[in-house]
Amino acid sequence: MAQDRIIDADGHVIESFDGLYDFLDGPLKGARLTGSMVSPFPWLDGWHTLVDPARWAATDARRWGEFLDATGISASVLFPTAGLGHGVIENPDWAVQIARAYNRWLHATHLAPDPRLHAVALLPVQDVTAAVQELRTTVMELGFVGALLPSVSHLGASYGDARFDPIFAEAQRLDVPVVLHGGSNHGLDVLQTLRQFGGTMPLHHPLPLLIHLQAMLYGGTFERFPTLRVGYFEAGSSWMAYMSDRLQYMYGVFKNIAPAMLTATRSPQEILAEGRIYVTCEANERFLDAGLRAVGEGNVLYASDFPHELEYEEYARELRKLLAREDLPAAGRAGIAGRSAAQFYRLP
């Protein structure tokens, strides 16, 4: 099939902890935690001893550029790795400072040297006012193309809670999307019954996304912000088919017997039909066609997830397999390859 340029909607950086500390400012300027291997973020799952330090060396624009050249990908939008645990930081002052440092480190080491690289800003949800200011600064001054909200935090609230509305209001004003990305399993107590990492890993990315999606659809977030675009990333796409049907059915039940439980006045499928909710997909998803039907052919995005999980040469092979799938409609394949990411992030 003839193909437009390929856009990777969700790649990752491996943070240099020493590099992050160099970008601390204010009263913490010059501060260091003991040793360059001490993470400024909480560990995602407590399994860091499984990580191969040679493979997980810090990324930079050169390493990412080589990957783009090798795979034929035209552009990528970058997300953190250790920073996915940012929402679990207890001290709001540290959360604000390290988010600022991360965003400026990322701009200096990846975005500024290579215009093919873009990024979403890590926002300190522990301090909503500071998060709004950081979103405004990173978009307007550093050219970031969206906002990242950690899918897990210690705040005891979903993103359907009105306390987070100022972040959504600013994202809508700036015309940039907000992305919820799977990460930590902190606070997901049901997963503590699964003692092995292989037991928690398949679940701790999707579960928080399901919770936030339900809360935002039922809680009126998409009605309060009628042009807001939101992504729910790194759980595949086919879960949206199940959730679309499940939430639609239960919405009808609540509307009839307990309308006070709902803030939204439109059903989940009505909101999904507006095309403002996006997900990423996996190349090996058997039911990817169902995900496309649930959120729309223009709302499923390709995510490399580089440099996680796969061996280097496998990324290009997986991408070719995905774009050659004959069980998907042509419009859906074109959207996955890049058109939908360009629309979501407002890339040229």
Foldseek 3Di string as FASTA:
>chain_A
DDADAFEAEEAEWQDFQVQLQCQFDDPSNPPDDPDRPDHLAPAQEPPVVVDDCVLRPTDFQVVVVVLCVVQRHQAYEYDYASCLRLQADDDLVSSLRSLSSVLVSCLVGHCVVDVRYAYAGEASPVDLVSRLVSNVCCCPPRNHLHHEDRLDHPPPDACLDCVNVSNQVSCLVSVHAYEYFFTHQPPVVVQVVPPDPVSCVLPRGPPSLLVNLLSNQQSCVCVVRVRYAYEREDNAQLVLLVSLVVQQVVVVVCVVPPVVSGPDPDGPQVSLVVLRYAYEHFLPDPVNQSSCVRNHLQRYEHHQHPPPDDDSVVSSVSLVSSLPDPVHDPSSSNNHRHPSSCVNRVPD
